[in-house]
Protein backbone atom coordinates (compact mmCIF):
# COMPACT_ATOMS: atom_id res chain seq x y z
CA UNK A 1 15.80 61.06 -148.19
CA UNK A 2 18.34 58.55 -147.48
CA UNK A 3 21.03 57.96 -143.99
CA UNK A 4 24.51 58.05 -144.83
CA UNK A 5 27.86 57.75 -143.07
CA UNK A 6 30.67 60.19 -143.43
CA UNK A 7 33.44 58.29 -144.18
CA UNK A 8 35.72 60.95 -144.99
CA UNK A 9 36.39 64.39 -143.84
CA UNK A 10 39.27 66.74 -144.95
CA UNK A 11 38.81 70.02 -142.96
CA UNK A 12 41.42 71.82 -145.58
CA UNK A 13 39.96 70.87 -148.32
CA UNK A 14 36.11 71.57 -146.77
CA UNK A 15 35.54 68.15 -148.19
CA UNK A 16 33.53 65.52 -146.75
CA UNK A 17 32.15 62.09 -148.78
CA UNK A 18 28.99 60.49 -147.45
CA UNK A 19 28.45 56.92 -147.87
CA UNK A 20 24.55 56.47 -148.41
CA UNK A 21 22.87 53.38 -146.50
CA UNK A 22 21.27 51.69 -149.50
CA UNK A 23 22.54 52.38 -153.45
CA UNK A 24 20.34 55.48 -154.31
CA UNK A 25 21.93 55.36 -158.24
CA UNK A 26 25.27 55.24 -159.98
CA UNK A 27 27.92 57.78 -159.50
CA UNK A 28 28.68 60.47 -162.02
CA UNK A 29 31.97 60.00 -163.20
CA UNK A 30 34.42 61.83 -161.80
CA UNK A 31 37.21 63.61 -164.51
CA UNK A 32 40.46 64.67 -163.24
CA UNK A 33 41.91 66.74 -166.50
CA UNK A 34 42.06 70.21 -166.40
CA UNK A 35 39.42 71.98 -168.51
CA UNK A 36 40.67 75.14 -170.37
CA UNK A 37 38.81 78.36 -170.29
CA UNK A 38 35.46 78.22 -172.03
CA UNK A 39 34.62 74.95 -170.89
CA UNK A 40 31.00 74.57 -170.10
CA UNK A 41 28.85 73.00 -168.10
CA UNK A 42 26.24 73.72 -165.14
CA UNK A 43 26.55 73.66 -161.60
CA UNK A 44 24.12 71.39 -159.43
CA UNK A 45 22.65 71.75 -156.15
CA UNK A 46 19.60 72.35 -154.20
CA UNK A 47 19.99 76.52 -153.62
CA UNK A 48 17.87 77.57 -150.64
CA UNK A 49 16.98 73.78 -149.70
CA UNK A 50 14.81 73.36 -152.65
CA UNK A 51 14.67 70.51 -155.36
CA UNK A 52 17.52 70.02 -157.38
CA UNK A 53 18.36 72.08 -159.21
CA UNK A 54 20.74 73.30 -162.63
CA UNK A 55 22.81 76.81 -162.82
CA UNK A 56 25.05 77.07 -166.23
CA UNK A 57 28.56 77.44 -165.89
CA UNK A 58 31.83 78.12 -167.45
CA UNK A 59 35.46 78.30 -166.81
CA UNK A 60 36.92 81.41 -166.85
CA UNK A 61 40.32 79.99 -164.88
CA UNK A 62 42.24 77.73 -162.82
CA UNK A 63 43.68 78.87 -159.60
CA UNK A 64 46.44 78.34 -157.70
CA UNK A 65 44.50 78.98 -154.26
CA UNK A 66 46.31 79.76 -150.65
CA UNK A 67 43.97 80.33 -147.58
CA UNK A 68 43.34 78.57 -144.13
CA UNK A 69 41.44 75.34 -143.47
CA UNK A 70 38.01 75.46 -142.52
CA UNK A 71 38.83 76.01 -139.26
CA UNK A 72 41.31 79.02 -139.75
CA UNK A 73 44.17 77.36 -138.42
CA UNK A 74 46.42 75.79 -140.99
CA UNK A 75 47.12 77.11 -144.76
CA UNK A 76 46.23 75.55 -147.62
CA UNK A 77 46.62 75.05 -151.09
CA UNK A 78 43.73 74.25 -153.57
CA UNK A 79 43.24 73.92 -157.19
CA UNK A 80 40.23 75.23 -158.10
CA UNK A 81 38.24 76.66 -160.66
CA UNK A 82 36.68 80.20 -161.00
CA UNK A 83 33.65 79.69 -162.74
CA UNK A 84 31.29 82.01 -164.45
CA UNK A 85 28.25 80.98 -162.65
CA UNK A 86 25.25 81.80 -159.90
CA UNK A 87 26.40 80.04 -156.46
CA UNK A 88 23.82 79.74 -153.58
CA UNK A 89 23.40 77.80 -150.57
CA UNK A 90 22.89 74.71 -150.85
CA UNK A 91 24.78 74.29 -153.93
CA UNK A 92 28.14 73.94 -151.76
CA UNK A 93 29.40 70.52 -152.08
CA UNK A 94 27.36 69.55 -155.22
CA UNK A 95 29.08 69.03 -158.89
CA UNK A 96 30.10 71.08 -161.47
CA UNK A 97 29.64 69.01 -164.08
CA UNK A 98 30.57 69.33 -167.97
CA UNK A 99 28.30 69.52 -171.08
CA UNK A 100 29.13 65.70 -171.23
CA UNK A 101 27.98 64.65 -167.53
CA UNK A 102 31.40 64.18 -165.87
CA UNK A 103 32.39 65.47 -162.68
CA UNK A 104 34.66 68.36 -163.49
CA UNK A 105 34.54 69.62 -159.57
CA UNK A 106 33.02 70.25 -156.54
CA UNK A 107 30.99 73.67 -155.64
CA UNK A 108 32.37 74.97 -152.41
CA UNK A 109 32.34 78.98 -152.84
CA UNK A 110 30.21 82.81 -154.28
CA UNK A 111 32.31 85.20 -154.75
CA UNK A 112 31.52 88.18 -151.81
CA UNK A 113 32.39 91.05 -154.45
CA UNK A 114 31.77 89.58 -157.63
CA UNK A 115 28.05 88.62 -158.76
CA UNK A 116 27.68 85.61 -160.78
CA UNK A 117 31.18 84.10 -159.65
CA UNK A 118 31.26 80.77 -157.69
CA UNK A 119 33.98 78.84 -157.29
CA UNK A 120 35.11 75.08 -157.43
CA UNK A 121 38.05 72.32 -155.91
CA UNK A 122 38.67 70.59 -159.93
CA UNK A 123 37.72 67.50 -160.12
CA UNK A 124 42.18 66.67 -159.96
CA UNK A 125 42.30 67.80 -156.52
CA UNK A 126 38.94 65.65 -154.68
CA UNK A 127 40.41 62.46 -156.55
CA UNK A 128 43.04 61.36 -154.36
CA UNK A 129 40.77 61.86 -150.98
CA UNK A 130 37.57 60.27 -153.27
CA UNK A 131 39.57 57.20 -154.09
CA UNK A 132 40.60 56.90 -150.42
CA UNK A 133 36.98 56.98 -149.27
CA UNK A 134 35.86 54.37 -151.67
CA UNK A 135 36.87 51.49 -149.43
CA UNK A 136 35.83 52.95 -146.31
CA UNK A 137 32.76 52.31 -144.61
CA UNK A 138 33.01 53.08 -140.61
CA UNK A 139 32.08 56.63 -139.95
CA UNK A 140 34.69 59.67 -139.25
CA UNK A 141 34.35 62.55 -137.18
CA UNK A 142 33.07 65.54 -138.92
CA UNK A 143 34.88 68.00 -135.95
CA UNK A 144 33.10 71.35 -134.06
CA UNK A 145 30.09 72.91 -136.05
CA UNK A 146 31.10 76.53 -137.19
CA UNK A 147 29.11 79.40 -137.05
């Protein structure tokens, strides 16, 4: 485990970028090119707080999703991949990686009505925010905790 500083927080995208206190490993490459239906990869994360694991995933479609920010206050639009995969608590915030090892999205939810369907923000959606975070080192607030 490593300590880290939150250098970017975006409640509209439900995205936080953390800067570790020491270099842990080289970051994965982010690929903002939109994937077609059937593109394969994996959802990576720590489901249930267990060890790092991967779950096979495939793009079903890209959606321009309109909804509320994490506080339910503002209406936001997000470019999202609908994925055929199992997403569990502990996958949220982890990458959806292509078979080539590039990050194509950031996992954030599982469908409530359809088992085996998950969602990830597209890399193109998060790339500008991650670019903003690259030069930051000062901590930012993360807002109030939610139940």
